[in-house]
Every structure is written in C-alpha cells, then in structure tokens.
Protein backbone atom coordinates (compact mmCIF):
# COMPACT_ATOMS: atom_id res chain seq x y z
CA UNK A 1 101.04 -61.40 18.68
CA UNK A 2 97.29 -61.13 19.19
CA UNK A 3 98.64 -58.83 22.33
CA UNK A 4 100.47 -56.74 19.95
CA UNK A 5 97.74 -56.15 17.38
CA UNK A 6 95.85 -55.11 19.77
CA UNK A 7 98.67 -52.66 20.88
CA UNK A 8 100.06 -51.43 18.72
CA UNK A 9 96.39 -50.46 17.29
CA UNK A 10 94.39 -49.39 20.50
CA UNK A 11 92.96 -46.18 18.99
CA UNK A 12 91.11 -48.11 16.12
CA UNK A 13 90.01 -50.91 18.18
CA UNK A 14 87.87 -49.92 20.71
CA UNK A 15 86.92 -46.65 18.46
CA UNK A 16 85.50 -49.33 15.51
CA UNK A 17 83.88 -51.45 18.53
CA UNK A 18 81.68 -48.09 19.81
CA UNK A 19 80.20 -47.31 16.60
CA UNK A 20 79.00 -50.85 15.83
CA UNK A 21 77.33 -50.18 18.64
CA UNK A 22 76.41 -46.86 18.00
CA UNK A 23 75.12 -48.27 15.00
CA UNK A 24 73.21 -50.94 15.87
CA UNK A 25 71.66 -49.47 18.65
CA UNK A 26 70.51 -46.83 16.50
CA UNK A 27 68.87 -49.04 14.25
CA UNK A 28 67.27 -50.65 16.41
CA UNK A 29 65.71 -47.99 17.92
CA UNK A 30 64.84 -46.44 14.84
CA UNK A 31 63.12 -49.60 13.86
CA UNK A 32 61.18 -49.32 16.54
CA UNK A 33 59.92 -45.62 16.12
CA UNK A 34 58.76 -46.79 12.21
CA UNK A 35 56.94 -49.74 14.07
CA UNK A 36 55.06 -48.14 16.82
CA UNK A 37 54.91 -44.31 14.97
CA UNK A 38 52.25 -44.11 12.32
CA UNK A 39 53.63 -42.05 9.09
CA UNK A 40 49.97 -40.82 7.42
CA UNK A 41 51.63 -40.65 3.76
CA UNK A 42 51.67 -44.39 3.48
CA UNK A 43 48.06 -44.77 3.34
CA UNK A 44 46.33 -41.18 1.31
CA UNK A 45 45.50 -41.49 -2.30
CA UNK A 46 45.25 -37.72 -2.62
CA UNK A 47 42.11 -37.60 -5.22
CA UNK A 48 38.90 -38.43 -4.34
CA UNK A 49 35.53 -39.26 -5.94
CA UNK A 50 32.91 -37.96 -4.14
CA UNK A 51 29.29 -38.39 -5.60
CA UNK A 52 25.42 -38.21 -3.26
CA UNK A 53 24.13 -40.74 -5.37
CA UNK A 54 23.46 -43.12 -3.14
CA UNK A 55 21.56 -42.63 0.42
CA UNK A 56 24.09 -44.84 2.76
CA UNK A 57 22.72 -46.76 5.97
CA UNK A 58 24.55 -46.33 9.64
CA UNK A 59 24.18 -49.88 9.53
CA UNK A 60 26.67 -50.09 5.97
CA UNK A 61 28.90 -46.65 7.10
CA UNK A 62 29.43 -49.13 10.87
CA UNK A 63 30.25 -51.94 8.52
CA UNK A 64 32.70 -49.79 6.48
CA UNK A 65 34.30 -48.26 9.72
CA UNK A 66 35.15 -51.71 11.79
CA UNK A 67 37.35 -49.89 14.28
CA UNK A 68 35.28 -47.14 15.11
CA UNK A 69 34.64 -46.94 18.61
CA UNK A 70 31.60 -45.60 20.54
CA UNK A 71 31.21 -41.44 20.21
CA UNK A 72 32.92 -41.20 16.36
CA UNK A 73 36.43 -41.66 18.11
CA UNK A 74 39.63 -43.84 16.62
CA UNK A 75 43.23 -44.38 17.13
CA UNK A 76 44.73 -46.68 14.83
CA UNK A 77 45.17 -50.20 15.99
CA UNK A 78 48.19 -50.80 14.85
CA UNK A 79 50.37 -47.66 15.34
CA UNK A 80 50.77 -44.40 17.49
CA UNK A 81 49.04 -41.51 16.54
CA UNK A 82 50.91 -38.12 16.15
CA UNK A 83 47.81 -35.75 16.28
CA UNK A 84 44.51 -36.04 18.97
CA UNK A 85 41.86 -34.08 16.50
CA UNK A 86 38.14 -33.15 17.57
CA UNK A 87 35.90 -32.95 15.07
CA UNK A 88 33.35 -30.33 15.14
CA UNK A 89 30.37 -30.17 13.38
CA UNK A 90 27.16 -27.47 14.56
CA UNK A 91 24.07 -28.48 13.54
CA UNK A 92 20.95 -27.16 12.80
CA UNK A 93 18.24 -29.71 10.75
CA UNK A 94 21.10 -31.63 9.44
CA UNK A 95 19.85 -35.36 9.19
CA UNK A 96 19.67 -35.62 5.51
CA UNK A 97 23.27 -34.71 5.11
CA UNK A 98 24.61 -36.86 8.05
CA UNK A 99 24.79 -40.03 7.03
CA UNK A 100 27.01 -38.81 3.33
CA UNK A 101 29.29 -36.86 5.64
CA UNK A 102 30.06 -39.47 8.22
CA UNK A 103 30.53 -41.83 5.33
CA UNK A 104 33.23 -39.71 4.08
CA UNK A 105 34.27 -38.37 6.54
CA UNK A 106 35.66 -41.47 9.18
CA UNK A 107 37.55 -42.84 5.75
CA UNK A 108 39.31 -40.06 5.28
CA UNK A 109 40.18 -39.23 8.42
CA UNK A 110 41.52 -43.06 8.94
CA UNK A 111 43.46 -42.47 6.14
CA UNK A 112 45.53 -40.07 7.94
CA UNK A 113 46.55 -41.91 10.67
CA UNK A 114 44.76 -39.53 12.92
CA UNK A 115 42.61 -40.32 16.62
CA UNK A 116 40.41 -38.09 16.81
CA UNK A 117 36.20 -37.76 17.92
CA UNK A 118 33.64 -36.37 16.05
CA UNK A 119 31.65 -34.28 18.18
CA UNK A 120 27.57 -33.60 16.66
CA UNK A 121 26.57 -30.29 17.39
CA UNK A 122 22.94 -29.51 17.20
CA UNK A 123 21.16 -26.86 18.25
CA UNK A 124 17.71 -27.18 19.65
CA UNK A 125 14.92 -25.67 18.41
CA UNK A 126 13.51 -24.23 15.63
CA UNK A 127 14.92 -20.21 16.03
CA UNK A 128 17.56 -18.97 14.44
CA UNK A 129 20.67 -20.71 13.51
CA UNK A 130 24.29 -19.39 15.49
CA UNK A 131 27.16 -21.23 14.23
CA UNK A 132 29.87 -19.90 16.08
CA UNK A 133 28.44 -20.52 19.59
CA UNK A 134 27.48 -24.21 18.93
CA UNK A 135 31.75 -24.18 17.76
CA UNK A 136 31.80 -22.36 21.25
CA UNK A 137 29.69 -24.92 22.93
CA UNK A 138 31.41 -27.95 21.48
CA UNK A 139 34.95 -26.43 21.56
CA UNK A 140 33.68 -26.45 25.98
CA UNK A 141 32.05 -30.28 25.76
CA UNK A 142 35.43 -31.61 22.93
CA UNK A 143 38.01 -29.86 25.74
CA UNK A 144 36.70 -32.11 28.53
CA UNK A 145 37.37 -35.33 27.30
CA UNK A 146 40.54 -35.96 26.09
CA UNK A 147 42.80 -32.98 25.91
CA UNK A 148 43.00 -32.08 22.03
CA UNK A 149 45.85 -31.06 19.49
CA UNK A 150 43.64 -29.22 17.47
CA UNK A 151 40.24 -27.93 16.66
CA UNK A 152 39.57 -28.66 13.46
CA UNK A 153 35.48 -26.88 13.16
CA UNK A 154 33.69 -28.40 10.24
CA UNK A 155 30.68 -27.58 8.29
CA UNK A 156 28.82 -31.18 7.97
CA UNK A 157 27.39 -29.56 3.71
CA UNK A 158 31.38 -30.22 3.25
CA UNK A 159 33.38 -33.23 1.45
CA UNK A 160 36.94 -33.06 1.32
CA UNK A 161 38.32 -33.92 -1.99
CA UNK A 162 42.07 -34.71 -1.97
CA UNK A 163 43.25 -36.93 1.15
CA UNK A 164 46.55 -34.46 1.09
CA UNK A 165 44.62 -31.89 3.42
CA UNK A 166 45.95 -32.87 6.47
CA UNK A 167 43.08 -32.64 9.51
CA UNK A 168 45.86 -30.81 11.91
CA UNK A 169 46.92 -27.84 13.58
CA UNK A 170 49.92 -25.80 12.44
CA UNK A 171 51.59 -25.16 15.80
CA UNK A 172 51.49 -20.57 15.29
CA UNK A 173 48.00 -19.88 13.72
CA UNK A 174 44.93 -21.11 12.80
CA UNK A 175 44.31 -22.95 9.10
CA UNK A 176 41.75 -22.59 6.61
CA UNK A 177 40.79 -25.76 4.25
CA UNK A 178 38.16 -25.03 2.53
CA UNK A 179 39.54 -22.59 -0.05
CA UNK A 180 38.40 -23.95 -3.25
CA UNK A 181 34.59 -25.44 -2.65
CA UNK A 182 32.96 -26.57 -6.06
CA UNK A 183 31.60 -24.02 -8.07
CA UNK A 184 34.12 -21.46 -7.31
CA UNK A 185 37.32 -23.22 -6.66
CA UNK A 186 39.36 -20.61 -5.52
CA UNK A 187 38.99 -17.66 -2.76
CA UNK A 188 36.86 -14.70 -2.60
CA UNK A 189 39.28 -12.69 -0.45
CA UNK A 190 42.60 -13.56 1.28
CA UNK A 191 41.00 -13.44 4.42
CA UNK A 192 38.37 -15.57 4.61
CA UNK A 193 37.98 -18.08 7.61
CA UNK A 194 34.90 -20.31 6.71
CA UNK A 195 33.18 -24.06 6.18
CA UNK A 196 35.90 -25.86 7.41
CA UNK A 197 39.30 -24.16 9.64
CA UNK A 198 41.60 -25.49 12.25
CA UNK A 199 42.99 -23.47 15.43
CA UNK A 200 44.83 -24.76 18.28
CA UNK A 201 43.00 -24.76 21.82
CA UNK A 202 45.90 -21.86 22.41
CA UNK A 203 44.53 -20.34 19.80
CA UNK A 204 41.18 -20.54 20.48
CA UNK A 205 41.25 -18.74 24.05
CA UNK A 206 44.02 -16.23 22.14
CA UNK A 207 40.47 -14.63 19.77
CA UNK A 208 38.25 -15.52 23.12
CA UNK A 209 36.99 -18.13 21.12
CA UNK A 210 34.18 -16.94 18.34
CA UNK A 211 31.21 -14.45 18.94
CA UNK A 212 27.64 -15.54 20.05
CA UNK A 213 25.91 -13.15 18.94
CA UNK A 214 25.49 -13.01 15.08
CA UNK A 215 21.89 -15.72 14.50
CA UNK A 216 21.53 -16.44 10.83
CA UNK A 217 24.79 -14.26 9.80
CA UNK A 218 27.84 -14.72 7.66
CA UNK A 219 29.32 -12.20 9.17
CA UNK A 220 30.82 -14.55 11.98
CA UNK A 221 33.62 -15.98 9.79
CA UNK A 222 35.19 -12.38 9.16
CA UNK A 223 34.91 -11.64 12.58
CA UNK A 224 36.88 -14.59 13.90
CA UNK A 225 39.17 -13.45 11.08
CA UNK A 226 39.56 -10.05 12.51
CA UNK A 227 40.40 -11.65 16.35
CA UNK A 228 42.97 -14.20 14.78
CA UNK A 229 45.06 -10.62 13.71
CA UNK A 230 44.25 -8.69 16.36
CA UNK A 231 45.37 -11.42 18.44
CA UNK A 232 48.32 -10.88 16.49
CA UNK A 233 48.34 -13.77 14.72
CA UNK A 234 47.22 -15.21 10.71
CA UNK A 235 45.64 -17.20 9.05
CA UNK A 236 47.41 -19.93 6.96
CA UNK A 237 44.90 -20.17 3.57
CA UNK A 238 45.75 -24.35 2.40
CA UNK A 239 46.59 -24.60 -1.58
CA UNK A 240 43.58 -24.14 -4.17
CA UNK A 241 44.61 -27.78 -5.51
CA UNK A 242 44.89 -28.98 -1.59
CA UNK A 243 42.00 -27.41 -0.07
CA UNK A 244 39.28 -28.69 -2.74
CA UNK A 245 35.56 -29.55 -1.21
CA UNK A 246 32.50 -30.62 -2.54
CA UNK A 247 29.63 -29.51 -1.12
CA UNK A 248 25.66 -31.14 -0.53
CA UNK A 249 23.31 -29.84 -2.33
CA UNK A 250 22.88 -25.73 -3.03
CA UNK A 251 19.13 -25.36 -1.93
CA UNK A 252 18.11 -23.80 1.67
CA UNK A 253 19.58 -26.29 3.30
CA UNK A 254 22.83 -25.59 1.92
CA UNK A 255 25.47 -23.78 3.54
CA UNK A 256 26.71 -20.21 1.79
CA UNK A 257 28.10 -20.70 -0.66
CA UNK A 258 31.36 -17.98 0.25
CA UNK A 259 30.51 -14.78 0.86
CA UNK A 260 31.49 -12.76 -2.27
CA UNK A 261 32.28 -9.64 -1.26
CA UNK A 262 35.18 -8.27 1.37
CA UNK A 263 33.58 -8.25 5.04
CA UNK A 264 31.40 -5.00 5.92
CA UNK A 265 33.42 -3.16 8.80
CA UNK A 266 32.89 -5.39 12.25
CA UNK A 267 32.75 -4.01 15.98
CA UNK A 268 34.53 -6.77 16.64
CA UNK A 269 37.79 -4.68 18.28
CA UNK A 270 35.23 -3.19 20.07
CA UNK A 271 33.78 -6.74 21.26
CA UNK A 272 35.88 -9.01 21.19
CA UNK A 273 36.98 -9.30 24.88
CA UNK A 274 33.62 -9.66 25.92
CA UNK A 275 31.83 -11.59 23.38
CA UNK A 276 32.95 -15.11 23.48
CA UNK A 277 34.05 -17.93 25.02
CA UNK A 278 33.66 -15.31 28.75
CA UNK A 279 30.43 -15.12 27.41
CA UNK A 280 28.87 -17.91 26.76
CA UNK A 281 25.50 -19.36 28.12
CA UNK A 282 23.85 -22.33 26.75
CA UNK A 283 21.83 -25.01 28.41
CA UNK A 284 22.83 -28.49 27.95
CA UNK A 285 20.33 -31.41 26.82
CA UNK A 286 22.07 -34.19 25.81
CA UNK A 287 25.70 -35.19 25.25
CA UNK A 288 25.29 -39.24 24.60
CA UNK A 289 27.84 -41.83 22.86
CA UNK A 290 26.39 -43.33 19.90
CA UNK A 291 28.61 -45.81 17.21
CA UNK A 292 29.54 -42.88 14.89
CA UNK A 293 29.35 -39.82 17.02
CA UNK A 294 29.25 -37.93 19.67
CA UNK A 295 25.53 -36.29 20.21
CA UNK A 296 25.07 -33.27 21.74
CA UNK A 297 21.70 -31.65 22.27
CA UNK A 298 21.91 -28.08 23.55
CA UNK A 299 19.75 -24.97 23.95
CA UNK A 300 21.59 -21.67 23.72
CA UNK A 301 18.71 -19.42 24.07
CA UNK A 302 16.48 -17.02 21.06
CA UNK A 303 17.42 -14.39 20.01
CA UNK A 304 17.25 -10.89 21.66
CA UNK A 305 14.72 -8.96 21.01
CA UNK A 306 15.07 -5.98 19.14
CA UNK A 307 14.45 -2.85 20.69
CA UNK A 308 10.87 -1.21 19.71
CA UNK A 309 11.40 1.61 17.67
CA UNK A 310 11.80 5.11 19.59
CA UNK A 311 9.06 7.65 18.97
CA UNK A 312 9.92 10.86 17.94
CA UNK A 313 7.23 13.89 19.62
CA UNK A 314 5.77 15.42 16.93
CA UNK A 315 5.52 19.21 17.29
CA UNK A 316 1.43 20.79 17.80
CA UNK A 317 1.90 23.68 15.82
C-alpha cells in the first residue's frame, strides 16, 4: 500500500521533501546572518539633544565607552559591522573642544554599529592653519592602518544632532553630511562641500586628494567641490532634517559658519593634478594611540613666502 501511494505520487513526494529541506536550510542561514551581521537601525534614536554646558573629563568618556579600544577604535562586540570608517579630524588649537567632541561622537558611531577609528591630526607650531593639507596627512596615515571603506572628514566643532545621519560613504559619489548647521540650518549654495564630508578611498584618489596650498582660507572647500565635478562626479547632499549639526563656540576658535556667497572663480582646473596627494610633503612628529583617539602630530611646513613687490623704474625727465 505504501509502495502504491509513493508510486502514484512520485512527482509530489520528492518535491515536498526538497522544498521543506530548502526552507529549513534557508531559515538557518538567514538566522545566522541576522545574528552575526549588525543592524544599525535597532540602536538609533533619531534627533539628539546636544548641549555644551558640562565639561566632561577623559575618565568620564572612557567609562561611558567601555568597548572603545586603544587608538579610539571600535568594532561591535556582538555582531559583524558592515562598514569600516576612518574619522579624520584636523586640529590646530582644539583642546577646549576635544572632550565635547569625543563625548558625543563615540556613542553616535557605536549606535550605527560601525567599525571605526578616530584620528586627530594636530598641526604643530603657531603658523596659519591648513585644514586641507592636514586632511591629506590624515588619509595618508589612516590608510596605513586599515583598508577603510570610508574616509569621514570632520571639523571638530561640529556635533551631529541626528543619528540617522549615517557615517558611511556612498558607493558612487562623495557625500556632504553637514547640510544644516545651527544658526542657519540650510545650504547657501548647492555645491557647498565642507564641515563634515565622506569619500571612499577611490573618490579621494580620483580628485588627487585635497589642495595643500590654502592657508587660513575658506576656499579649500570650494576647490575640493570643483575637483569632484572635474572628475565626473557629483556631490550628494544629505537631507536638511537629517544633516543637522550644532557648532561649538562662535568665537575665533570656531570654524566659519558658512561661506554665504557663491565661490569665487578658482584656478582648480589648472592646478588640481599637481596640487594634492601627489605633492604632499610633511614631517611626522608623533603617531600615538591614545585611549579615545589616535593622535598624529605633524609639521606641514610654513606658509610660502610671497614674492617681493615689483619696483617700477622711474623715468627721469
């Protein structure tokens, strides 16, 4: 009898067993992926309350972030991160802002379930600040440590107010994250590219990195934006309600809020191939892994001396 049932349903029985086995195997594999792979949306909260009334000690920040390893590096302890992000922070005289920055940024990144390291690039001396050149140094040193998926370039005085603003790169185009800084909460023009930005290493190499020749200028951001367009890419602007940032201090130590005028005509099209990562010269003074960040002290040289003014010959009549 059993033989007859099997014989009459020979085309159904094996198919049933096959599909049941396939479903069980798929459920097992899916469960394994869910358990081992991180899902950032489970920990994010959206809008954050940011205040600068309290000065946090290093000990407090370390206690608040027990899984952060030496060098300011973190990987989720219970799952596999999808992305590896190097956060590169140029710094001149930034000691007053450092603890506030670390206090807010470490938990922000951990809620996004990223594997990350924070690099503080400190310009030695008291000369004019050169943000773009420090970023070149930061990329150069960070890529020695890991094969990063994303280079996250971050002004220290900007704190994100929404943790749905993901600190990961777009596969195809550079991304501008700080689209809505407080006191303005909007963009002065569509091509603005400064404050907090994200590029893959491939994007970075396509534009020959950043210019090394802007000392105490606002124009390096516009130069970088122009490089991106020359390289055939566009800038992705994060939606304003997501790209909200609070700025620390509006005095002389703070970054300029935004260049409210459209960029002046630059000579980027003539200079970008020769001024960038391929012309970077610096002296590494220190690279030290501290508990909450990797400290890089660098001598990037002095501002090039201006040529003496030309003297016109006077005609004696």
